Amino acid sequence: MIVKDKRKKFREVLKCRFCRDKVEEIDYKDLQVLQKMVTSQGKLYSRKRSGNCAKHQRQAQQAVKRARFIALLPYVG
């Protein structure tokens, strides 16, 4: 008989990296930061995955969209 492990696995709660570093606004020209927020396919990581708070997730989303429009980031991988 096979017994499955019923214990729940809890992930560490991620603290928003921008709140930790006391960043006021996310700049669309800061490509090193923006590339960490985007998958290899060009999709934005979710709040749950990236650990951002709601305020900084919205700012990151807007910054990525601006960077794509100016062709600093590709739309697709």
PDB file of N, CA and C in Angstrom:
ATOM      1  N   MET A   1       0.827  -1.172   0.000  1.00  0.00           N
ATOM      2  CA  MET A   1       0.000   0.000   0.000  1.00  0.00           C
ATOM      3  C   MET A   1       0.883   1.250   0.000  1.00  0.00           C
ATOM      4  N   ILE A   2       0.552   2.196  -0.873  1.00  0.00           N
ATOM      5  CA  ILE A   2       1.323   3.427  -0.987  1.00  0.00           C
ATOM      6  C   ILE A   2       0.668   4.510  -0.141  1.00  0.00           C
ATOM      7  N   VAL A   3       1.474   5.127   0.712  1.00  0.00           N
ATOM      8  CA  VAL A   3       0.970   6.191   1.576  1.00  0.00           C
ATOM      9  C   VAL A   3       1.574   7.512   1.106  1.00  0.00           C
ATOM     10  N   LYS A   4       0.702   8.453   0.820  1.00  0.00           N
ATOM     11  CA  LYS A   4       1.188   9.763   0.390  1.00  0.00           C
ATOM     12  C   LYS A   4       1.477  10.625   1.611  1.00  0.00           C
ATOM     13  N   ASP A   5       2.456  11.468   1.462  1.00  0.00           N
ATOM     14  CA  ASP A   5       2.812  12.385   2.537  1.00  0.00           C
ATOM     15  C   ASP A   5       1.811  13.529   2.542  1.00  0.00           C
ATOM     16  N   LYS A   6       1.053  13.654   3.622  1.00  0.00           N
ATOM     17  CA  LYS A   6      -0.025  14.643   3.699  1.00  0.00           C
ATOM     18  C   LYS A   6       0.436  15.985   4.277  1.00  0.00           C
ATOM     19  N   ARG A   7       1.699  16.077   4.672  1.00  0.00           N
ATOM     20  CA  ARG A   7       2.174  17.322   5.275  1.00  0.00           C
ATOM     21  C   ARG A   7       2.233  18.431   4.237  1.00  0.00           C
ATOM     22  N   LYS A   8       1.799  19.592   4.648  1.00  0.00           N
ATOM     23  CA  LYS A   8       1.858  20.741   3.753  1.00  0.00           C
ATOM     24  C   LYS A   8       3.265  21.313   3.781  1.00  0.00           C
ATOM     25  N   LYS A   9       3.711  21.727   2.627  1.00  0.00           N
ATOM     26  CA  LYS A   9       5.033  22.330   2.537  1.00  0.00           C
ATOM     27  C   LYS A   9       4.856  23.835   2.416  1.00  0.00           C
ATOM     28  N   PHE A  10       5.395  24.552   3.356  1.00  0.00           N
ATOM     29  CA  PHE A  10       5.265  26.002   3.371  1.00  0.00           C
ATOM     30  C   PHE A  10       6.524  26.634   2.806  1.00  0.00           C
ATOM     31  N   ARG A  11       6.307  27.579   1.896  1.00  0.00           N
ATOM     32  CA  ARG A  11       7.431  28.350   1.370  1.00  0.00           C
ATOM     33  C   ARG A  11       7.733  29.486   2.328  1.00  0.00           C
ATOM     34  N   GLU A  12       8.960  29.928   2.290  1.00  0.00           N
ATOM     35  CA  GLU A  12       9.325  31.101   3.065  1.00  0.00           C
ATOM     36  C   GLU A  12       8.565  32.296   2.533  1.00  0.00           C
ATOM     37  N   VAL A  13       8.098  33.133   3.412  1.00  0.00           N
ATOM     38  CA  VAL A  13       7.400  34.336   2.985  1.00  0.00           C
ATOM     39  C   VAL A  13       8.449  35.325   2.496  1.00  0.00           C
ATOM     40  N   LEU A  14       8.318  35.726   1.231  1.00  0.00           N
ATOM     41  CA  LEU A  14       9.282  36.648   0.660  1.00  0.00           C
ATOM     42  C   LEU A  14       8.905  38.076   1.013  1.00  0.00           C
ATOM     43  N   LYS A  15       9.864  38.835   1.417  1.00  0.00           N
ATOM     44  CA  LYS A  15       9.659  40.254   1.690  1.00  0.00           C
ATOM     45  C   LYS A  15       9.967  40.994   0.397  1.00  0.00           C
ATOM     46  N   CYS A  16       9.179  42.000   0.112  1.00  0.00           N
ATOM     47  CA  CYS A  16       9.358  42.778  -1.109  1.00  0.00           C
ATOM     48  C   CYS A  16      10.771  43.356  -1.150  1.00  0.00           C
ATOM     49  N   ARG A  17      11.515  43.076  -2.213  1.00  0.00           N
ATOM     50  CA  ARG A  17      12.902  43.535  -2.285  1.00  0.00           C
ATOM     51  C   ARG A  17      12.990  45.046  -2.390  1.00  0.00           C
ATOM     52  N   PHE A  18      11.973  45.657  -2.953  1.00  0.00           N
ATOM     53  CA  PHE A  18      11.977  47.112  -3.092  1.00  0.00           C
ATOM     54  C   PHE A  18      11.667  47.785  -1.756  1.00  0.00           C
ATOM     55  N   CYS A  19      10.809  47.172  -0.958  1.00  0.00           N
ATOM     56  CA  CYS A  19      10.533  47.702   0.383  1.00  0.00           C
ATOM     57  C   CYS A  19      11.762  47.537   1.280  1.00  0.00           C
ATOM     58  N   ARG A  20      12.449  46.401   1.145  1.00  0.00           N
ATOM     59  CA  ARG A  20      13.658  46.168   1.939  1.00  0.00           C
ATOM     60  C   ARG A  20      14.724  47.215   1.652  1.00  0.00           C
ATOM     61  N   ASP A  21      14.903  47.530   0.349  1.00  0.00           N
ATOM     62  CA  ASP A  21      15.926  48.496  -0.059  1.00  0.00           C
ATOM     63  C   ASP A  21      15.423  49.931  -0.022  1.00  0.00           C
ATOM     64  N   LYS A  22      14.165  50.112   0.403  1.00  0.00           N
ATOM     65  CA  LYS A  22      13.533  51.431   0.497  1.00  0.00           C
ATOM     66  C   LYS A  22      13.570  52.179  -0.837  1.00  0.00           C
ATOM     67  N   VAL A  23      13.169  51.482  -1.900  1.00  0.00           N
ATOM     68  CA  VAL A  23      13.089  52.080  -3.234  1.00  0.00           C
ATOM     69  C   VAL A  23      11.743  52.784  -3.357  1.00  0.00           C
ATOM     70  N   GLU A  24      11.773  54.046  -3.731  1.00  0.00           N
ATOM     71  CA  GLU A  24      10.541  54.823  -3.875  1.00  0.00           C
ATOM     72  C   GLU A  24       9.830  54.492  -5.185  1.00  0.00           C
ATOM     73  N   GLU A  25      10.588  54.468  -6.282  1.00  0.00           N
ATOM     74  CA  GLU A  25       9.984  54.268  -7.591  1.00  0.00           C
ATOM     75  C   GLU A  25      10.880  53.365  -8.435  1.00  0.00           C
ATOM     76  N   ILE A  26      10.282  52.485  -9.209  1.00  0.00           N
ATOM     77  CA  ILE A  26      11.030  51.579 -10.071  1.00  0.00           C
ATOM     78  C   ILE A  26      11.218  52.257 -11.421  1.00  0.00           C
ATOM     79  N   ASP A  27      12.468  52.336 -11.864  1.00  0.00           N
ATOM     80  CA  ASP A  27      12.794  53.046 -13.094  1.00  0.00           C
ATOM     81  C   ASP A  27      12.757  52.081 -14.280  1.00  0.00           C
ATOM     82  N   TYR A  28      12.152  52.505 -15.374  1.00  0.00           N
ATOM     83  CA  TYR A  28      12.050  51.648 -16.557  1.00  0.00           C
ATOM     84  C   TYR A  28      13.391  51.494 -17.265  1.00  0.00           C
ATOM     85  N   LYS A  29      14.371  52.325 -16.942  1.00  0.00           N
ATOM     86  CA  LYS A  29      15.685  52.246 -17.581  1.00  0.00           C
ATOM     87  C   LYS A  29      16.634  51.302 -16.846  1.00  0.00           C
ATOM     88  N   ASP A  30      16.236  50.824 -15.692  1.00  0.00           N
ATOM     89  CA  ASP A  30      17.065  49.913 -14.903  1.00  0.00           C
ATOM     90  C   ASP A  30      16.801  48.478 -15.364  1.00  0.00           C
ATOM     91  N   LEU A  31      17.498  48.066 -16.401  1.00  0.00           N
ATOM     92  CA  LEU A  31      17.214  46.778 -17.043  1.00  0.00           C
ATOM     93  C   LEU A  31      17.609  45.580 -16.190  1.00  0.00           C
ATOM     94  N   GLN A  32      18.621  45.720 -15.358  1.00  0.00           N
ATOM     95  CA  GLN A  32      19.030  44.592 -14.516  1.00  0.00           C
ATOM     96  C   GLN A  32      17.918  44.193 -13.557  1.00  0.00           C
ATOM     97  N   VAL A  33      17.234  45.169 -13.018  1.00  0.00           N
ATOM     98  CA  VAL A  33      16.125  44.886 -12.101  1.00  0.00           C
ATOM     99  C   VAL A  33      14.937  44.330 -12.875  1.00  0.00           C
ATOM    100  N   LEU A  34      14.634  44.933 -14.014  1.00  0.00           N
ATOM    101  CA  LEU A  34      13.454  44.519 -14.780  1.00  0.00           C
ATOM    102  C   LEU A  34      13.602  43.114 -15.346  1.00  0.00           C
ATOM    103  N   GLN A  35      14.813  42.720 -15.726  1.00  0.00           N
ATOM    104  CA  GLN A  35      15.008  41.387 -16.281  1.00  0.00           C
ATOM    105  C   GLN A  35      14.799  40.301 -15.233  1.00  0.00           C
ATOM    106  N   LYS A  36      14.983  40.633 -13.961  1.00  0.00           N
ATOM    107  CA  LYS A  36      14.711  39.669 -12.890  1.00  0.00           C
ATOM    108  C   LYS A  36      13.216  39.491 -12.663  1.00  0.00           C
ATOM    109  N   MET A  37      12.422  40.445 -13.145  1.00  0.00           N
ATOM    110  CA  MET A  37      10.977  40.409 -12.945  1.00  0.00           C
ATOM    111  C   MET A  37      10.251  39.701 -14.092  1.00  0.00           C
ATOM    112  N   VAL A  38      11.000  39.317 -15.141  1.00  0.00           N
ATOM    113  CA  VAL A  38      10.399  38.780 -16.360  1.00  0.00           C
ATOM    114  C   VAL A  38      10.942  37.375 -16.613  1.00  0.00           C
ATOM    115  N   THR A  39      10.083  36.464 -17.060  1.00  0.00           N
ATOM    116  CA  THR A  39      10.515  35.106 -17.385  1.00  0.00           C
ATOM    117  C   THR A  39      11.298  35.103 -18.689  1.00  0.00           C
ATOM    118  N   SER A  40      11.843  33.960 -19.045  1.00  0.00           N
ATOM    119  CA  SER A  40      12.590  33.847 -20.300  1.00  0.00           C
ATOM    120  C   SER A  40      11.669  33.990 -21.507  1.00  0.00           C
ATOM    121  N   GLN A  41      10.369  33.784 -21.295  1.00  0.00           N
ATOM    122  CA  GLN A  41       9.399  33.946 -22.377  1.00  0.00           C
ATOM    123  C   GLN A  41       8.897  35.373 -22.489  1.00  0.00           C
ATOM    124  N   GLY A  42       9.272  36.220 -21.543  1.00  0.00           N
ATOM    125  CA  GLY A  42       8.870  37.617 -21.591  1.00  0.00           C
ATOM    126  C   GLY A  42       7.670  37.955 -20.726  1.00  0.00           C
ATOM    127  N   LYS A  43       7.200  36.994 -19.937  1.00  0.00           N
ATOM    128  CA  LYS A  43       6.043  37.250 -19.070  1.00  0.00           C
ATOM    129  C   LYS A  43       6.517  37.752 -17.713  1.00  0.00           C
ATOM    130  N   LEU A  44       5.689  38.585 -17.092  1.00  0.00           N
ATOM    131  CA  LEU A  44       5.999  39.081 -15.753  1.00  0.00           C
ATOM    132  C   LEU A  44       5.737  37.991 -14.720  1.00  0.00           C
ATOM    133  N   TYR A  45       6.621  37.897 -13.716  1.00  0.00           N
ATOM    134  CA  TYR A  45       6.366  36.991 -12.608  1.00  0.00           C
ATOM    135  C   TYR A  45       5.224  37.542 -11.765  1.00  0.00           C
ATOM    136  N   SER A  46       4.450  36.657 -11.188  1.00  0.00           N
ATOM    137  CA  SER A  46       3.335  37.079 -10.341  1.00  0.00           C
ATOM    138  C   SER A  46       3.862  37.610  -9.011  1.00  0.00           C
ATOM    139  N   ARG A  47       2.994  38.260  -8.268  1.00  0.00           N
ATOM    140  CA  ARG A  47       3.366  38.773  -6.950  1.00  0.00           C
ATOM    141  C   ARG A  47       3.781  37.642  -6.031  1.00  0.00           C
ATOM    142  N   LYS A  48       3.073  36.544  -6.136  1.00  0.00           N
ATOM    143  CA  LYS A  48       3.356  35.396  -5.280  1.00  0.00           C
ATOM    144  C   LYS A  48       4.753  34.843  -5.566  1.00  0.00           C
ATOM    145  N   ARG A  49       5.109  34.824  -6.832  1.00  0.00           N
ATOM    146  CA  ARG A  49       6.402  34.266  -7.242  1.00  0.00           C
ATOM    147  C   ARG A  49       7.554  35.232  -6.977  1.00  0.00           C
ATOM    148  N   SER A  50       7.335  36.524  -7.261  1.00  0.00           N
ATOM    149  CA  SER A  50       8.411  37.505  -7.109  1.00  0.00           C
ATOM    150  C   SER A  50       8.539  38.001  -5.677  1.00  0.00           C
ATOM    151  N   GLY A  51       7.447  37.948  -4.911  1.00  0.00           N
ATOM    152  CA  GLY A  51       7.482  38.393  -3.531  1.00  0.00           C
ATOM    153  C   GLY A  51       7.292  39.888  -3.371  1.00  0.00           C
ATOM    154  N   ASN A  52       6.857  40.563  -4.418  1.00  0.00           N
ATOM    155  CA  ASN A  52       6.654  42.010  -4.346  1.00  0.00           C
ATOM    156  C   ASN A  52       5.343  42.339  -3.654  1.00  0.00           C
ATOM    157  N   CYS A  53       5.306  43.534  -3.054  1.00  0.00           N
ATOM    158  CA  CYS A  53       4.048  44.024  -2.506  1.00  0.00           C
ATOM    159  C   CYS A  53       3.213  44.563  -3.669  1.00  0.00           C
ATOM    160  N   ALA A  54       1.957  44.871  -3.415  1.00  0.00           N
ATOM    161  CA  ALA A  54       1.046  45.305  -4.479  1.00  0.00           C
ATOM    162  C   ALA A  54       1.519  46.603  -5.130  1.00  0.00           C
ATOM    163  N   LYS A  55       1.979  47.536  -4.323  1.00  0.00           N
ATOM    164  CA  LYS A  55       2.424  48.833  -4.837  1.00  0.00           C
ATOM    165  C   LYS A  55       3.597  48.675  -5.799  1.00  0.00           C
ATOM    166  N   HIS A  56       4.600  47.907  -5.391  1.00  0.00           N
ATOM    167  CA  HIS A  56       5.782  47.752  -6.229  1.00  0.00           C
ATOM    168  C   HIS A  56       5.525  46.818  -7.411  1.00  0.00           C
ATOM    169  N   GLN A  57       4.596  45.897  -7.285  1.00  0.00           N
ATOM    170  CA  GLN A  57       4.249  45.045  -8.423  1.00  0.00           C
ATOM    171  C   GLN A  57       3.608  45.876  -9.525  1.00  0.00           C
ATOM    172  N   ARG A  58       2.729  46.821  -9.158  1.00  0.00           N
ATOM    173  CA  ARG A  58       2.123  47.711 -10.151  1.00  0.00           C
ATOM    174  C   ARG A  58       3.177  48.584 -10.814  1.00  0.00           C
ATOM    175  N   GLN A  59       4.111  49.105 -10.017  1.00  0.00           N
ATOM    176  CA  GLN A  59       5.173  49.938 -10.579  1.00  0.00           C
ATOM    177  C   GLN A  59       6.068  49.127 -11.510  1.00  0.00           C
ATOM    178  N   ALA A  60       6.375  47.897 -11.133  1.00  0.00           N
ATOM    179  CA  ALA A  60       7.210  47.033 -11.963  1.00  0.00           C
ATOM    180  C   ALA A  60       6.502  46.703 -13.269  1.00  0.00           C
ATOM    181  N   GLN A  61       5.212  46.451 -13.198  1.00  0.00           N
ATOM    182  CA  GLN A  61       4.428  46.150 -14.391  1.00  0.00           C
ATOM    183  C   GLN A  61       4.458  47.335 -15.352  1.00  0.00           C
ATOM    184  N   GLN A  62       4.263  48.531 -14.819  1.00  0.00           N
ATOM    185  CA  GLN A  62       4.276  49.734 -15.645  1.00  0.00           C
ATOM    186  C   GLN A  62       5.665  49.969 -16.233  1.00  0.00           C
ATOM    187  N   ALA A  63       6.718  49.737 -15.449  1.00  0.00           N
ATOM    188  CA  ALA A  63       8.086  49.943 -15.918  1.00  0.00           C
ATOM    189  C   ALA A  63       8.438  48.960 -17.030  1.00  0.00           C
ATOM    190  N   VAL A  64       8.007  47.707 -16.899  1.00  0.00           N
ATOM    191  CA  VAL A  64       8.276  46.707 -17.941  1.00  0.00           C
ATOM    192  C   VAL A  64       7.551  47.081 -19.227  1.00  0.00           C
ATOM    193  N   LYS A  65       6.317  47.535 -19.112  1.00  0.00           N
ATOM    194  CA  LYS A  65       5.565  47.933 -20.305  1.00  0.00           C
ATOM    195  C   LYS A  65       6.221  49.113 -21.002  1.00  0.00           C
ATOM    196  N   ARG A  66       6.720  50.078 -20.226  1.00  0.00           N
ATOM    197  CA  ARG A  66       7.411  51.229 -20.814  1.00  0.00           C
ATOM    198  C   ARG A  66       8.707  50.804 -21.486  1.00  0.00           C
ATOM    199  N   ALA A  67       9.456  49.919 -20.835  1.00  0.00           N
ATOM    200  CA  ALA A  67      10.718  49.445 -21.397  1.00  0.00           C
ATOM    201  C   ALA A  67      10.481  48.657 -22.684  1.00  0.00           C
ATOM    202  N   ARG A  68       9.402  47.909 -22.755  1.00  0.00           N
ATOM    203  CA  ARG A  68       9.067  47.189 -23.988  1.00  0.00           C
ATOM    204  C   ARG A  68       8.711  48.157 -25.104  1.00  0.00           C
ATOM    205  N   PHE A  69       7.951  49.190 -24.770  1.00  0.00           N
ATOM    206  CA  PHE A  69       7.510  50.162 -25.771  1.00  0.00           C
ATOM    207  C   PHE A  69       8.703  50.897 -26.379  1.00  0.00           C
ATOM    208  N   ILE A  70       9.704  51.187 -25.565  1.00  0.00           N
ATOM    209  CA  ILE A  70      10.893  51.898 -26.042  1.00  0.00           C
ATOM    210  C   ILE A  70      11.919  50.922 -26.623  1.00  0.00           C
ATOM    211  N   ALA A  71      11.639  49.644 -26.596  1.00  0.00           N
ATOM    212  CA  ALA A  71      12.487  48.578 -27.143  1.00  0.00           C
ATOM    213  C   ALA A  71      13.732  48.337 -26.297  1.00  0.00           C
ATOM    214  N   LEU A  72      13.642  48.573 -24.997  1.00  0.00           N
ATOM    215  CA  LEU A  72      14.732  48.209 -24.100  1.00  0.00           C
ATOM    216  C   LEU A  72      14.611  46.744 -23.690  1.00  0.00           C
ATOM    217  N   LEU A  73      13.378  46.264 -23.618  1.00  0.00           N
ATOM    218  CA  LEU A  73      13.090  44.857 -23.334  1.00  0.00           C
ATOM    219  C   LEU A  73      12.287  44.280 -24.493  1.00  0.00           C
ATOM    220  N   PRO A  74      12.512  43.012 -24.829  1.00  0.00           N
ATOM    221  CA  PRO A  74      11.702  42.407 -25.886  1.00  0.00           C
ATOM    222  C   PRO A  74      10.302  42.054 -25.375  1.00  0.00           C
ATOM    223  N   TYR A  75       9.335  42.068 -26.268  1.00  0.00           N
ATOM    224  CA  TYR A  75       7.976  41.662 -25.901  1.00  0.00           C
ATOM    225  C   TYR A  75       7.920  40.158 -25.658  1.00  0.00           C
ATOM    226  N   VAL A  76       8.646  39.396 -26.472  1.00  0.00           N
ATOM    227  CA  VAL A  76       8.660  37.938 -26.371  1.00  0.00           C
ATOM    228  C   VAL A  76      10.106  37.485 -26.312  1.00  0.00           C
ATOM    229  N   GLY A  77      10.375  36.508 -25.410  1.00  0.00           N
ATOM    230  CA  GLY A  77      11.688  35.924 -25.200  1.00  0.00           C
ATOM    231  C   GLY A  77      12.669  36.267 -26.209  1.00  0.00           C
TER     232      GLY A  77
END
